[in-house]
Amino acid sequence: MLYAIISQDVEDSFKKRIGARPDHVARLIQLKDEGRLILAGPHPAIDSIDPGDAGFTGSLIVAEFENLKEARSWADEDPYVAAGVYSSVVVKNFNKVLP
C-alpha cells in the first residue's frame, strides 16, 4: 500500500538540511531503485523552486510499504529526523487516484 510521509521543518532548518541531505537522498534513491517511490520533495518556504537561504518548511514523500507500521518505522529512521530538521512527521495511508 502507499503511504504519505508529511514532515514539517523546525524554524531555520536550512543548515541542518544541508548536513543531512546526502544520507536523506540516499534512502530515497534506495526506495526508487526498489520501485517503491512515487514522489518525494521539499516544500519551499517561498514561491520559488530554488528558495535559496529562505529554505524549506517541510517535505512530502509518497512511497509503498508493507503496512503503516513499516512506513512509520522508515520515517522515524530518516536522517532529517536524527539531525533535528523536522519538528513533526505524519504518516498516512494514501490512495493514488490520478494520474
C-alpha atoms as a PDB file:
ATOM      1  CA  MET A   1       0.000   0.000   0.000  1.00  0.00           C
ATOM      2  CA  LEU A   2       1.016   3.604  -0.492  1.00  0.00           C
ATOM      3  CA  TYR A   3       1.749   5.961   2.383  1.00  0.00           C
ATOM      4  CA  ALA A   4       2.264   9.729   2.527  1.00  0.00           C
ATOM      5  CA  ILE A   5       5.004  10.924   4.858  1.00  0.00           C
ATOM      6  CA  ILE A   6       4.347  14.592   5.580  1.00  0.00           C
ATOM      7  CA  SER A   7       7.056  16.399   7.521  1.00  0.00           C
ATOM      8  CA  GLN A   8       7.190  19.886   8.994  1.00  0.00           C
ATOM      9  CA  ASP A   9      10.567  21.588   9.475  1.00  0.00           C
ATOM     10  CA  VAL A  10      11.782  23.385  12.571  1.00  0.00           C
ATOM     11  CA  GLU A  11      12.493  27.105  12.179  1.00  0.00           C
ATOM     12  CA  ASP A  12      15.765  27.866  10.360  1.00  0.00           C
ATOM     13  CA  SER A  13      16.276  24.253   9.280  1.00  0.00           C
ATOM     14  CA  PHE A  14      18.359  25.088   6.206  1.00  0.00           C
ATOM     15  CA  LYS A  15      21.828  24.335   7.661  1.00  0.00           C
ATOM     16  CA  LYS A  16      20.592  21.135   9.303  1.00  0.00           C
ATOM     17  CA  ARG A  17      19.096  20.037   5.980  1.00  0.00           C
ATOM     18  CA  ILE A  18      22.338  20.620   4.106  1.00  0.00           C
ATOM     19  CA  GLY A  19      24.304  18.456   6.538  1.00  0.00           C
ATOM     20  CA  ALA A  20      21.873  15.524   6.480  1.00  0.00           C
ATOM     21  CA  ARG A  21      20.808  15.769   2.826  1.00  0.00           C
ATOM     22  CA  PRO A  22      23.215  13.205   1.302  1.00  0.00           C
ATOM     23  CA  ASP A  23      22.043  10.446   3.657  1.00  0.00           C
ATOM     24  CA  HIS A  24      18.394  11.516   3.303  1.00  0.00           C
ATOM     25  CA  VAL A  25      18.589  11.409  -0.504  1.00  0.00           C
ATOM     26  CA  ALA A  26      20.433   8.058  -0.460  1.00  0.00           C
ATOM     27  CA  ARG A  27      17.463   6.473   1.326  1.00  0.00           C
ATOM     28  CA  LEU A  28      15.081   7.947  -1.240  1.00  0.00           C
ATOM     29  CA  ILE A  29      17.216   6.624  -4.092  1.00  0.00           C
ATOM     30  CA  GLN A  30      17.081   3.181  -2.485  1.00  0.00           C
ATOM     31  CA  LEU A  31      13.258   3.340  -2.433  1.00  0.00           C
ATOM     32  CA  LYS A  32      13.304   4.472  -6.077  1.00  0.00           C
ATOM     33  CA  ASP A  33      15.636   1.650  -7.087  1.00  0.00           C
ATOM     34  CA  GLU A  34      13.292  -0.812  -5.370  1.00  0.00           C
ATOM     35  CA  GLY A  35      10.384   0.621  -7.400  1.00  0.00           C
ATOM     36  CA  ARG A  36       8.569   1.834  -4.274  1.00  0.00           C
ATOM     37  CA  LEU A  37       8.969   5.631  -4.524  1.00  0.00           C
ATOM     38  CA  ILE A  38       6.093   7.523  -6.127  1.00  0.00           C
ATOM     39  CA  LEU A  39       7.315  11.059  -5.396  1.00  0.00           C
ATOM     40  CA  ALA A  40       9.448  12.995  -2.949  1.00  0.00           C
ATOM     41  CA  GLY A  41      10.389  16.599  -2.424  1.00  0.00           C
ATOM     42  CA  PRO A  42      10.560  19.582  -0.101  1.00  0.00           C
ATOM     43  CA  HIS A  43       8.123  22.444   0.387  1.00  0.00           C
ATOM     44  CA  PRO A  44       9.977  25.703  -0.451  1.00  0.00           C
ATOM     45  CA  ALA A  45       9.494  28.465   2.122  1.00  0.00           C
ATOM     46  CA  ILE A  46       8.845  30.975  -0.673  1.00  0.00           C
ATOM     47  CA  ASP A  47       7.154  30.764  -4.065  1.00  0.00           C
ATOM     48  CA  SER A  48      10.240  29.504  -5.884  1.00  0.00           C
ATOM     49  CA  ILE A  49      11.739  26.175  -6.961  1.00  0.00           C
ATOM     50  CA  ASP A  50      15.071  27.368  -5.546  1.00  0.00           C
ATOM     51  CA  PRO A  51      14.289  29.285  -2.348  1.00  0.00           C
ATOM     52  CA  GLY A  52      17.950  29.925  -1.513  1.00  0.00           C
ATOM     53  CA  ASP A  53      18.534  30.945   2.103  1.00  0.00           C
ATOM     54  CA  ALA A  54      14.756  31.041   2.722  1.00  0.00           C
ATOM     55  CA  GLY A  55      14.963  27.260   2.796  1.00  0.00           C
ATOM     56  CA  PHE A  56      12.092  24.854   3.173  1.00  0.00           C
ATOM     57  CA  THR A  57       9.138  24.335   5.501  1.00  0.00           C
ATOM     58  CA  GLY A  58       8.849  20.562   5.224  1.00  0.00           C
ATOM     59  CA  SER A  59       8.772  17.585   2.901  1.00  0.00           C
ATOM     60  CA  LEU A  60       6.404  15.121   1.245  1.00  0.00           C
ATOM     61  CA  ILE A  61       7.246  11.521   0.391  1.00  0.00           C
ATOM     62  CA  VAL A  62       4.775   9.071  -1.134  1.00  0.00           C
ATOM     63  CA  ALA A  63       6.047   5.511  -1.222  1.00  0.00           C
ATOM     64  CA  GLU A  64       4.968   1.896  -0.993  1.00  0.00           C
ATOM     65  CA  PHE A  65       5.416  -0.036   2.253  1.00  0.00           C
ATOM     66  CA  GLU A  66       4.065  -3.349   3.539  1.00  0.00           C
ATOM     67  CA  ASN A  67       1.967  -1.634   6.200  1.00  0.00           C
ATOM     68  CA  LEU A  68       1.597   1.522   8.267  1.00  0.00           C
ATOM     69  CA  LYS A  69       3.978   0.263  10.946  1.00  0.00           C
ATOM     70  CA  GLU A  70       6.752  -0.235   8.370  1.00  0.00           C
ATOM     71  CA  ALA A  71       6.116   3.209   6.856  1.00  0.00           C
ATOM     72  CA  ARG A  72       6.307   4.857  10.288  1.00  0.00           C
ATOM     73  CA  SER A  73       9.471   2.961  11.151  1.00  0.00           C
ATOM     74  CA  TRP A  74      11.099   4.046   7.873  1.00  0.00           C
ATOM     75  CA  ALA A  75      10.074   7.665   8.502  1.00  0.00           C
ATOM     76  CA  ASP A  76      11.395   7.569  12.082  1.00  0.00           C
ATOM     77  CA  GLU A  77      14.822   6.496  10.782  1.00  0.00           C
ATOM     78  CA  ASP A  78      15.127   9.395   8.331  1.00  0.00           C
ATOM     79  CA  PRO A  79      18.439  11.266   8.679  1.00  0.00           C
ATOM     80  CA  TYR A  80      16.476  14.525   8.787  1.00  0.00           C
ATOM     81  CA  VAL A  81      14.767  13.274  11.967  1.00  0.00           C
ATOM     82  CA  ALA A  82      18.138  12.428  13.543  1.00  0.00           C
ATOM     83  CA  ALA A  83      19.553  15.829  12.525  1.00  0.00           C
ATOM     84  CA  GLY A  84      16.628  17.736  14.053  1.00  0.00           C
ATOM     85  CA  VAL A  85      15.339  19.080  10.721  1.00  0.00           C
ATOM     86  CA  TYR A  86      11.742  18.031  11.343  1.00  0.00           C
ATOM     87  CA  SER A  87       9.507  19.272  14.146  1.00  0.00           C
ATOM     88  CA  SER A  88       6.831  16.732  13.232  1.00  0.00           C
ATOM     89  CA  VAL A  89       6.257  13.797  10.902  1.00  0.00           C
ATOM     90  CA  VAL A  90       2.832  12.427   9.986  1.00  0.00           C
ATOM     91  CA  VAL A  91       2.437   9.117   8.164  1.00  0.00           C
ATOM     92  CA  LYS A  92      -0.914   8.417   6.494  1.00  0.00           C
ATOM     93  CA  ASN A  93      -2.397   5.803   4.188  1.00  0.00           C
ATOM     94  CA  PHE A  94      -2.566   7.172   0.650  1.00  0.00           C
ATOM     95  CA  ASN A  95      -4.751   6.129  -2.290  1.00  0.00           C
ATOM     96  CA  LYS A  96      -3.414   7.347  -5.615  1.00  0.00           C
ATOM     97  CA  VAL A  97      -6.297   8.265  -7.903  1.00  0.00           C
ATOM     98  CA  LEU A  98      -4.653  10.383 -10.619  1.00  0.00           C
ATOM     99  CA  PRO A  99      -2.764  10.355 -12.854  1.00  0.00           C
END
